[in-house]
Amino acid sequence: MSASEAGYLQIVEVVFFSEIPHADKMVYGALLSFAWQSDWCHPGVETIHEKVRNTIDNIRTVRRSLVHLEKLGLISQETRQTQHGPRKGYKLNDMGVTRTCGSLMDD
């Protein structure tokens, strides 16, 4: 059984060890779990909240985290054409090697 089949998630170290709020880390992890085959996914806010409901009890917190993650440059909201028509989704931005743990909150 692979790590992904067992439910393990590999999160970017710069996010995990940064001082961004816990809720942002959980929402980022949820997005990673939806985007495991690419850098883009299109879950609704309710779906993201369902994934993190054990640690985030308020859907407004999920919305705030999405805005904060975008301001930090970790994600971008995009509309892409899918087989079912245009879909609003989230692109997980490549952090590259230029970002350090502390630099997320310094921006």
C-alpha atoms as a PDB file:
ATOM      1  CA  MET A   1       0.000   0.000   0.000  1.00  0.00           C
ATOM      2  CA  SER A   2       1.373   3.408  -0.978  1.00  0.00           C
ATOM      3  CA  ALA A   3       1.533   6.382   1.369  1.00  0.00           C
ATOM      4  CA  SER A   4      -1.304   8.127  -0.471  1.00  0.00           C
ATOM      5  CA  GLU A   5      -3.476   4.996  -0.307  1.00  0.00           C
ATOM      6  CA  ALA A   6      -2.902   4.849   3.449  1.00  0.00           C
ATOM      7  CA  GLY A   7      -4.082   8.445   3.802  1.00  0.00           C
ATOM      8  CA  TYR A   8      -0.707  10.126   4.294  1.00  0.00           C
ATOM      9  CA  LEU A   9      -0.167  13.609   2.959  1.00  0.00           C
ATOM     10  CA  GLN A  10       3.173  15.196   2.210  1.00  0.00           C
ATOM     11  CA  ILE A  11       3.059  18.926   2.961  1.00  0.00           C
ATOM     12  CA  VAL A  12       5.604  21.483   1.798  1.00  0.00           C
ATOM     13  CA  GLU A  13       8.092  22.120   4.612  1.00  0.00           C
ATOM     14  CA  VAL A  14       8.017  25.873   4.130  1.00  0.00           C
ATOM     15  CA  VAL A  15       4.283  25.773   4.959  1.00  0.00           C
ATOM     16  CA  PHE A  16       4.436  23.215   7.741  1.00  0.00           C
ATOM     17  CA  PHE A  17       7.239  24.905   9.670  1.00  0.00           C
ATOM     18  CA  SER A  18       6.176  28.506   9.018  1.00  0.00           C
ATOM     19  CA  GLU A  19       4.312  30.653  11.495  1.00  0.00           C
ATOM     20  CA  ILE A  20       1.140  30.922   9.432  1.00  0.00           C
ATOM     21  CA  PRO A  21      -2.058  30.166  11.363  1.00  0.00           C
ATOM     22  CA  HIS A  22      -2.965  26.536  12.005  1.00  0.00           C
ATOM     23  CA  ALA A  23      -6.223  26.910  10.060  1.00  0.00           C
ATOM     24  CA  ASP A  24      -4.275  28.037   6.979  1.00  0.00           C
ATOM     25  CA  LYS A  25      -2.056  24.964   7.229  1.00  0.00           C
ATOM     26  CA  MET A  26      -5.080  22.689   7.486  1.00  0.00           C
ATOM     27  CA  VAL A  27      -6.804  24.294   4.490  1.00  0.00           C
ATOM     28  CA  TYR A  28      -3.561  24.129   2.483  1.00  0.00           C
ATOM     29  CA  GLY A  29      -3.252  20.445   3.383  1.00  0.00           C
ATOM     30  CA  ALA A  30      -6.842  19.845   2.264  1.00  0.00           C
ATOM     31  CA  LEU A  31      -6.108  21.518  -1.073  1.00  0.00           C
ATOM     32  CA  LEU A  32      -3.001  19.350  -1.437  1.00  0.00           C
ATOM     33  CA  SER A  33      -5.097  16.245  -0.878  1.00  0.00           C
ATOM     34  CA  PHE A  34      -7.415  17.273  -3.736  1.00  0.00           C
ATOM     35  CA  ALA A  35      -4.547  18.298  -6.037  1.00  0.00           C
ATOM     36  CA  TRP A  36      -2.350  15.230  -5.568  1.00  0.00           C
ATOM     37  CA  GLN A  37      -2.158  14.540  -9.307  1.00  0.00           C
ATOM     38  CA  SER A  38      -1.470  18.115 -10.390  1.00  0.00           C
ATOM     39  CA  ASP A  39      -1.030  21.608  -9.042  1.00  0.00           C
ATOM     40  CA  TRP A  40      -4.721  22.488  -9.509  1.00  0.00           C
ATOM     41  CA  CYS A  41      -7.963  21.388  -7.878  1.00  0.00           C
ATOM     42  CA  HIS A  42     -11.524  22.645  -7.719  1.00  0.00           C
ATOM     43  CA  PRO A  43     -13.217  21.664  -4.450  1.00  0.00           C
ATOM     44  CA  GLY A  44     -15.954  23.942  -3.145  1.00  0.00           C
ATOM     45  CA  VAL A  45     -15.527  25.722   0.171  1.00  0.00           C
ATOM     46  CA  GLU A  46     -18.042  23.329   1.726  1.00  0.00           C
ATOM     47  CA  THR A  47     -16.006  20.343   0.517  1.00  0.00           C
ATOM     48  CA  ILE A  48     -12.819  21.822   1.949  1.00  0.00           C
ATOM     49  CA  HIS A  49     -14.610  22.459   5.242  1.00  0.00           C
ATOM     50  CA  GLU A  50     -15.857  18.879   5.339  1.00  0.00           C
ATOM     51  CA  LYS A  51     -12.253  17.695   4.989  1.00  0.00           C
ATOM     52  CA  VAL A  52     -11.001  19.843   7.914  1.00  0.00           C
ATOM     53  CA  ARG A  53     -14.110  19.893  10.126  1.00  0.00           C
ATOM     54  CA  ASN A  54     -12.314  18.092  12.959  1.00  0.00           C
ATOM     55  CA  THR A  55      -9.996  21.072  13.425  1.00  0.00           C
ATOM     56  CA  ILE A  56     -11.919  24.002  11.897  1.00  0.00           C
ATOM     57  CA  ASP A  57     -15.528  24.229  13.016  1.00  0.00           C
ATOM     58  CA  ASN A  58     -16.501  27.379  11.095  1.00  0.00           C
ATOM     59  CA  ILE A  59     -16.774  27.575   7.305  1.00  0.00           C
ATOM     60  CA  ARG A  60     -15.966  31.309   7.478  1.00  0.00           C
ATOM     61  CA  THR A  61     -12.541  30.360   8.844  1.00  0.00           C
ATOM     62  CA  VAL A  62     -11.985  28.233   5.727  1.00  0.00           C
ATOM     63  CA  ARG A  63     -12.906  31.208   3.527  1.00  0.00           C
ATOM     64  CA  ARG A  64     -10.554  33.494   5.469  1.00  0.00           C
ATOM     65  CA  SER A  65      -7.751  30.930   5.184  1.00  0.00           C
ATOM     66  CA  LEU A  66      -8.203  30.726   1.410  1.00  0.00           C
ATOM     67  CA  VAL A  67      -7.894  34.509   1.162  1.00  0.00           C
ATOM     68  CA  HIS A  68      -4.843  34.500   3.446  1.00  0.00           C
ATOM     69  CA  LEU A  69      -3.146  31.677   1.525  1.00  0.00           C
ATOM     70  CA  GLU A  70      -3.663  33.632  -1.682  1.00  0.00           C
ATOM     71  CA  LYS A  71      -2.215  36.812  -0.139  1.00  0.00           C
ATOM     72  CA  LEU A  72       0.834  34.795   0.938  1.00  0.00           C
ATOM     73  CA  GLY A  73       1.260  33.536  -2.622  1.00  0.00           C
ATOM     74  CA  LEU A  74       0.757  29.888  -1.699  1.00  0.00           C
ATOM     75  CA  ILE A  75      -2.340  29.502  -3.874  1.00  0.00           C
ATOM     76  CA  SER A  76      -3.978  31.331  -6.770  1.00  0.00           C
ATOM     77  CA  GLN A  77      -7.639  31.230  -7.701  1.00  0.00           C
ATOM     78  CA  GLU A  78      -8.087  30.344 -11.358  1.00  0.00           C
ATOM     79  CA  THR A  79     -10.858  29.402 -13.741  1.00  0.00           C
ATOM     80  CA  ARG A  80     -10.047  26.504 -16.045  1.00  0.00           C
ATOM     81  CA  GLN A  81     -11.953  24.679 -18.715  1.00  0.00           C
ATOM     82  CA  THR A  82     -12.863  21.127 -17.688  1.00  0.00           C
ATOM     83  CA  GLN A  83     -14.926  18.432 -19.382  1.00  0.00           C
ATOM     84  CA  HIS A  84     -17.925  19.856 -17.493  1.00  0.00           C
ATOM     85  CA  GLY A  85     -17.305  23.463 -18.532  1.00  0.00           C
ATOM     86  CA  PRO A  86     -15.436  26.273 -16.797  1.00  0.00           C
ATOM     87  CA  ARG A  87     -14.556  25.567 -13.153  1.00  0.00           C
ATOM     88  CA  LYS A  88     -13.220  27.925 -10.519  1.00  0.00           C
ATOM     89  CA  GLY A  89     -10.378  26.283  -8.674  1.00  0.00           C
ATOM     90  CA  TYR A  90      -7.131  26.697  -6.816  1.00  0.00           C
ATOM     91  CA  LYS A  91      -3.602  26.453  -8.173  1.00  0.00           C
ATOM     92  CA  LEU A  92      -0.980  25.463  -5.624  1.00  0.00           C
ATOM     93  CA  ASN A  93       1.941  27.722  -6.436  1.00  0.00           C
ATOM     94  CA  ASP A  94       5.453  26.335  -6.625  1.00  0.00           C
ATOM     95  CA  MET A  95       7.366  27.623  -3.617  1.00  0.00           C
ATOM     96  CA  GLY A  96      10.740  26.984  -5.235  1.00  0.00           C
ATOM     97  CA  VAL A  97      13.923  27.254  -3.250  1.00  0.00           C
ATOM     98  CA  THR A  98      13.866  31.020  -2.777  1.00  0.00           C
ATOM     99  CA  ARG A  99      11.331  30.999   0.061  1.00  0.00           C
ATOM    100  CA  THR A 100      12.397  30.260   3.613  1.00  0.00           C
ATOM    101  CA  CYS A 101      10.330  29.357   6.647  1.00  0.00           C
ATOM    102  CA  GLY A 102      10.228  32.882   8.001  1.00  0.00           C
ATOM    103  CA  SER A 103       9.679  34.606   4.679  1.00  0.00           C
ATOM    104  CA  LEU A 104       6.019  33.643   4.348  1.00  0.00           C
ATOM    105  CA  MET A 105       4.927  36.003   7.096  1.00  0.00           C
ATOM    106  CA  ASP A 106       7.455  38.698   6.146  1.00  0.00           C
ATOM    107  CA  ASP A 107       5.774  39.443   2.791  1.00  0.00           C
END
